[in-house]
Amino acid sequence: FLLDGAADECYEFDLPEVAAAKQTLLQHRFRRRRTGEVADVHLPTVIGADLNDADVTGRHLDRILGGGGNDGRGNTQRWHTIFVVEGVLMYLRGKDGKA
């Protein structure tokens, strides 16, 4: 989405250790292999969090989505938000702790 200009910002949640590895990979390999305009594309922000921890996940989402922004004239900005949940649901635990 970022490469095609279809999104202004992208965030990816993953377990902290996986997120750290992904961020390193994105920063080093992507920039090394790309030149020109494509090299200047904003990469997704990778956030390390266990989605089973609703409090931590909620705080991250509040920070990302909270308030809707302000256009400087007191008007709240609105935007479209897409959540892609891919390969995650099987790892989420219910209140009883079971997957």
N, C-alpha and C. Protein backbone atom coordinates (compact mmCIF):
# COMPACT_ATOMS: atom_id res chain seq x y z
N PHE A 1 0.81 -1.20 0.00
CA PHE A 1 0.00 0.00 0.00
C PHE A 1 0.85 1.26 0.00
N LEU A 2 1.95 1.23 0.75
CA LEU A 2 2.81 2.40 0.79
C LEU A 2 3.49 2.64 -0.55
N LEU A 3 3.96 1.58 -1.18
CA LEU A 3 4.64 1.73 -2.47
C LEU A 3 3.72 2.27 -3.54
N ASP A 4 2.45 1.87 -3.51
CA ASP A 4 1.48 2.31 -4.50
C ASP A 4 0.86 3.66 -4.17
N GLY A 5 1.18 4.22 -3.01
CA GLY A 5 0.59 5.49 -2.62
C GLY A 5 -0.85 5.36 -2.15
N ALA A 6 -1.29 4.13 -1.88
CA ALA A 6 -2.67 3.90 -1.45
C ALA A 6 -2.86 4.15 0.04
N ALA A 7 -1.77 4.29 0.78
CA ALA A 7 -1.87 4.52 2.23
C ALA A 7 -0.80 5.53 2.64
N ASP A 8 -1.12 6.33 3.63
CA ASP A 8 -0.15 7.29 4.16
C ASP A 8 0.71 6.67 5.25
N GLU A 9 0.12 5.77 6.01
CA GLU A 9 0.83 5.13 7.12
C GLU A 9 0.40 3.67 7.22
N CYS A 10 1.33 2.82 7.58
CA CYS A 10 1.03 1.41 7.82
C CYS A 10 1.72 0.99 9.10
N TYR A 11 1.03 0.19 9.87
CA TYR A 11 1.57 -0.34 11.12
C TYR A 11 1.43 -1.84 11.10
N GLU A 12 2.41 -2.51 11.62
CA GLU A 12 2.37 -3.96 11.72
C GLU A 12 2.66 -4.35 13.16
N PHE A 13 1.78 -5.16 13.73
CA PHE A 13 1.97 -5.68 15.07
C PHE A 13 2.52 -7.09 14.98
N ASP A 14 3.48 -7.40 15.82
CA ASP A 14 3.98 -8.77 15.92
C ASP A 14 4.62 -8.92 17.30
N LEU A 15 4.91 -10.14 17.66
CA LEU A 15 5.57 -10.37 18.95
C LEU A 15 6.86 -9.55 19.00
N PRO A 16 7.24 -9.05 20.18
CA PRO A 16 8.39 -8.15 20.28
C PRO A 16 9.66 -8.66 19.59
N GLU A 17 10.00 -9.93 19.79
CA GLU A 17 11.24 -10.43 19.19
C GLU A 17 11.13 -10.52 17.66
N VAL A 18 9.97 -10.84 17.17
CA VAL A 18 9.74 -10.91 15.71
C VAL A 18 9.73 -9.50 15.13
N ALA A 19 9.09 -8.57 15.83
CA ALA A 19 9.03 -7.19 15.36
C ALA A 19 10.42 -6.58 15.25
N ALA A 20 11.28 -6.85 16.21
CA ALA A 20 12.65 -6.32 16.17
C ALA A 20 13.40 -6.85 14.96
N ALA A 21 13.25 -8.14 14.69
CA ALA A 21 13.92 -8.74 13.54
C ALA A 21 13.38 -8.17 12.22
N LYS A 22 12.05 -7.99 12.14
CA LYS A 22 11.45 -7.44 10.93
C LYS A 22 11.92 -6.01 10.70
N GLN A 23 11.96 -5.21 11.75
CA GLN A 23 12.38 -3.82 11.61
C GLN A 23 13.81 -3.74 11.09
N THR A 24 14.69 -4.57 11.63
CA THR A 24 16.08 -4.60 11.17
C THR A 24 16.14 -4.99 9.70
N LEU A 25 15.40 -6.01 9.34
CA LEU A 25 15.38 -6.48 7.96
C LEU A 25 14.86 -5.39 7.03
N LEU A 26 13.76 -4.77 7.39
CA LEU A 26 13.18 -3.72 6.55
C LEU A 26 14.15 -2.56 6.36
N GLN A 27 14.75 -2.11 7.44
CA GLN A 27 15.63 -0.95 7.37
C GLN A 27 16.87 -1.21 6.54
N HIS A 28 17.48 -2.35 6.71
CA HIS A 28 18.75 -2.62 6.04
C HIS A 28 18.58 -3.14 4.62
N ARG A 29 17.81 -4.17 4.45
CA ARG A 29 17.71 -4.80 3.13
C ARG A 29 16.89 -3.99 2.15
N PHE A 30 15.79 -3.44 2.59
CA PHE A 30 14.92 -2.69 1.69
C PHE A 30 15.67 -1.50 1.11
N ARG A 31 16.28 -0.73 1.97
CA ARG A 31 16.96 0.47 1.51
C ARG A 31 18.17 0.16 0.63
N ARG A 32 18.86 -0.95 0.92
CA ARG A 32 20.03 -1.32 0.13
C ARG A 32 19.65 -1.74 -1.28
N ARG A 33 18.51 -2.36 -1.43
CA ARG A 33 18.10 -2.90 -2.73
C ARG A 33 17.32 -1.90 -3.58
N ARG A 34 16.89 -0.80 -3.03
CA ARG A 34 16.07 0.15 -3.76
C ARG A 34 16.86 1.43 -4.02
N THR A 35 16.57 2.05 -5.14
CA THR A 35 17.21 3.32 -5.47
C THR A 35 16.13 4.31 -5.89
N GLY A 36 16.50 5.56 -5.97
CA GLY A 36 15.58 6.59 -6.45
C GLY A 36 14.41 6.81 -5.53
N GLU A 37 13.25 7.09 -6.12
CA GLU A 37 12.05 7.41 -5.36
C GLU A 37 11.63 6.26 -4.45
N VAL A 38 11.77 5.05 -4.92
CA VAL A 38 11.31 3.90 -4.13
C VAL A 38 12.10 3.79 -2.83
N ALA A 39 13.36 4.20 -2.82
CA ALA A 39 14.17 4.12 -1.61
C ALA A 39 13.68 5.08 -0.54
N ASP A 40 12.97 6.13 -0.95
CA ASP A 40 12.49 7.13 0.00
C ASP A 40 11.11 6.83 0.56
N VAL A 41 10.53 5.72 0.15
CA VAL A 41 9.19 5.35 0.61
C VAL A 41 9.23 5.08 2.11
N HIS A 42 8.20 5.51 2.79
CA HIS A 42 8.10 5.21 4.22
C HIS A 42 7.84 3.74 4.40
N LEU A 43 8.58 3.13 5.28
CA LEU A 43 8.38 1.71 5.58
C LEU A 43 7.29 1.59 6.64
N PRO A 44 6.66 0.43 6.73
CA PRO A 44 5.67 0.27 7.80
C PRO A 44 6.32 0.37 9.16
N THR A 45 5.59 0.89 10.11
CA THR A 45 6.06 0.94 11.49
C THR A 45 5.74 -0.40 12.13
N VAL A 46 6.77 -1.09 12.58
CA VAL A 46 6.58 -2.40 13.19
C VAL A 46 6.52 -2.22 14.70
N ILE A 47 5.45 -2.71 15.32
CA ILE A 47 5.23 -2.55 16.75
C ILE A 47 5.28 -3.91 17.42
N GLY A 48 6.16 -4.03 18.38
CA GLY A 48 6.29 -5.28 19.13
C GLY A 48 5.27 -5.35 20.25
N ALA A 49 4.32 -6.25 20.14
CA ALA A 49 3.29 -6.40 21.17
C ALA A 49 2.65 -7.78 21.04
N ASP A 50 2.33 -8.35 22.16
CA ASP A 50 1.58 -9.60 22.16
C ASP A 50 0.10 -9.22 22.12
N LEU A 51 -0.58 -9.57 21.04
CA LEU A 51 -1.98 -9.19 20.89
C LEU A 51 -2.89 -9.83 21.93
N ASN A 52 -2.38 -10.81 22.65
CA ASN A 52 -3.15 -11.39 23.75
C ASN A 52 -3.22 -10.44 24.94
N ASP A 53 -2.34 -9.45 24.98
CA ASP A 53 -2.35 -8.46 26.05
C ASP A 53 -3.20 -7.28 25.58
N ALA A 54 -4.48 -7.33 25.90
CA ALA A 54 -5.43 -6.33 25.41
C ALA A 54 -5.09 -4.92 25.87
N ASP A 55 -4.55 -4.76 27.08
CA ASP A 55 -4.21 -3.43 27.58
C ASP A 55 -3.11 -2.79 26.74
N VAL A 56 -2.04 -3.53 26.51
CA VAL A 56 -0.92 -3.01 25.73
C VAL A 56 -1.35 -2.74 24.29
N THR A 57 -2.06 -3.69 23.69
CA THR A 57 -2.52 -3.52 22.32
C THR A 57 -3.45 -2.32 22.22
N GLY A 58 -4.34 -2.17 23.19
CA GLY A 58 -5.26 -1.03 23.21
C GLY A 58 -4.53 0.29 23.30
N ARG A 59 -3.49 0.36 24.10
CA ARG A 59 -2.71 1.61 24.22
C ARG A 59 -2.03 1.95 22.89
N HIS A 60 -1.49 0.94 22.21
CA HIS A 60 -0.89 1.20 20.90
C HIS A 60 -1.93 1.70 19.91
N LEU A 61 -3.09 1.05 19.88
CA LEU A 61 -4.15 1.48 18.96
C LEU A 61 -4.66 2.87 19.30
N ASP A 62 -4.79 3.18 20.59
CA ASP A 62 -5.21 4.53 20.99
C ASP A 62 -4.21 5.57 20.51
N ARG A 63 -2.94 5.25 20.62
CA ARG A 63 -1.89 6.19 20.19
C ARG A 63 -1.96 6.39 18.68
N ILE A 64 -2.17 5.30 17.94
CA ILE A 64 -2.21 5.38 16.49
C ILE A 64 -3.48 6.07 16.00
N LEU A 65 -4.62 5.69 16.56
CA LEU A 65 -5.91 6.16 16.07
C LEU A 65 -6.51 7.28 16.89
N GLY A 66 -6.05 7.45 18.10
CA GLY A 66 -6.68 8.36 19.04
C GLY A 66 -6.79 9.80 18.58
N GLY A 67 -7.95 10.36 18.82
CA GLY A 67 -8.15 11.77 18.57
C GLY A 67 -8.47 12.12 17.13
N GLY A 68 -8.06 11.33 16.18
CA GLY A 68 -8.34 11.63 14.79
C GLY A 68 -7.53 12.78 14.23
N GLY A 69 -6.66 13.38 15.04
CA GLY A 69 -5.86 14.48 14.54
C GLY A 69 -6.65 15.77 14.49
N ASN A 70 -5.99 16.84 14.17
CA ASN A 70 -6.63 18.14 14.12
C ASN A 70 -6.02 18.91 12.96
N ASP A 71 -6.84 19.60 12.20
CA ASP A 71 -6.33 20.29 11.02
C ASP A 71 -5.78 21.68 11.33
N GLY A 72 -5.66 22.05 12.60
CA GLY A 72 -5.14 23.36 12.97
C GLY A 72 -6.22 24.42 13.11
N ARG A 73 -7.43 24.12 12.67
CA ARG A 73 -8.55 25.07 12.78
C ARG A 73 -9.59 24.56 13.75
N GLY A 74 -9.20 23.54 14.54
CA GLY A 74 -10.14 22.99 15.51
C GLY A 74 -11.03 21.90 14.97
N ASN A 75 -10.85 21.55 13.71
CA ASN A 75 -11.67 20.50 13.10
C ASN A 75 -10.97 19.15 13.24
N THR A 76 -11.71 18.18 13.70
CA THR A 76 -11.16 16.83 13.81
C THR A 76 -11.05 16.22 12.43
N GLN A 77 -9.90 15.65 12.13
CA GLN A 77 -9.71 14.99 10.85
C GLN A 77 -10.21 13.55 10.94
N ARG A 78 -10.72 13.07 9.84
CA ARG A 78 -11.18 11.69 9.76
C ARG A 78 -10.40 10.99 8.66
N TRP A 79 -10.25 9.69 8.82
CA TRP A 79 -9.59 8.91 7.78
C TRP A 79 -10.13 7.50 7.80
N HIS A 80 -9.87 6.81 6.73
CA HIS A 80 -10.29 5.41 6.61
C HIS A 80 -9.22 4.54 7.25
N THR A 81 -9.64 3.51 7.91
CA THR A 81 -8.72 2.59 8.58
C THR A 81 -9.03 1.17 8.13
N ILE A 82 -7.99 0.45 7.77
CA ILE A 82 -8.14 -0.95 7.38
C ILE A 82 -7.30 -1.78 8.34
N PHE A 83 -7.91 -2.81 8.90
CA PHE A 83 -7.18 -3.76 9.74
C PHE A 83 -7.08 -5.07 8.97
N VAL A 84 -5.88 -5.56 8.79
CA VAL A 84 -5.67 -6.85 8.16
C VAL A 84 -5.18 -7.79 9.25
N VAL A 85 -5.95 -8.82 9.51
CA VAL A 85 -5.59 -9.81 10.52
C VAL A 85 -5.28 -11.09 9.77
N GLU A 86 -4.00 -11.35 9.63
CA GLU A 86 -3.57 -12.46 8.80
C GLU A 86 -2.67 -13.38 9.61
N GLY A 87 -3.05 -14.62 9.73
CA GLY A 87 -2.23 -15.58 10.46
C GLY A 87 -2.10 -15.27 11.94
N VAL A 88 -3.08 -14.56 12.49
CA VAL A 88 -3.00 -14.15 13.89
C VAL A 88 -4.06 -14.83 14.75
N LEU A 89 -5.24 -14.96 14.21
CA LEU A 89 -6.37 -15.42 15.02
C LEU A 89 -6.11 -16.76 15.69
N MET A 90 -5.37 -17.64 15.05
CA MET A 90 -5.11 -18.95 15.65
C MET A 90 -4.23 -18.86 16.90
N TYR A 91 -3.54 -17.74 17.09
CA TYR A 91 -2.66 -17.57 18.24
C TYR A 91 -3.32 -16.82 19.39
N LEU A 92 -4.46 -16.22 19.15
CA LEU A 92 -5.13 -15.46 20.20
C LEU A 92 -5.83 -16.39 21.18
N ARG A 93 -5.72 -16.05 22.46
CA ARG A 93 -6.32 -16.86 23.51
C ARG A 93 -7.60 -16.19 24.01
N GLY A 94 -8.55 -17.04 24.39
CA GLY A 94 -9.78 -16.55 24.99
C GLY A 94 -9.55 -16.19 26.46
N LYS A 95 -10.59 -15.76 27.14
CA LYS A 95 -10.48 -15.39 28.54
C LYS A 95 -10.04 -16.56 29.42
N ASP A 96 -10.33 -17.77 28.94
CA ASP A 96 -9.93 -18.96 29.71
C ASP A 96 -8.48 -19.35 29.45
N GLY A 97 -7.79 -18.59 28.56
CA GLY A 97 -6.39 -18.86 28.27
C GLY A 97 -6.17 -19.86 27.17
N LYS A 98 -7.25 -20.41 26.62
CA LYS A 98 -7.13 -21.40 25.55
C LYS A 98 -7.23 -20.71 24.19
N ALA A 99 -6.53 -21.29 23.22
CA ALA A 99 -6.55 -20.75 21.85
C ALA A 99 -7.91 -20.96 21.21
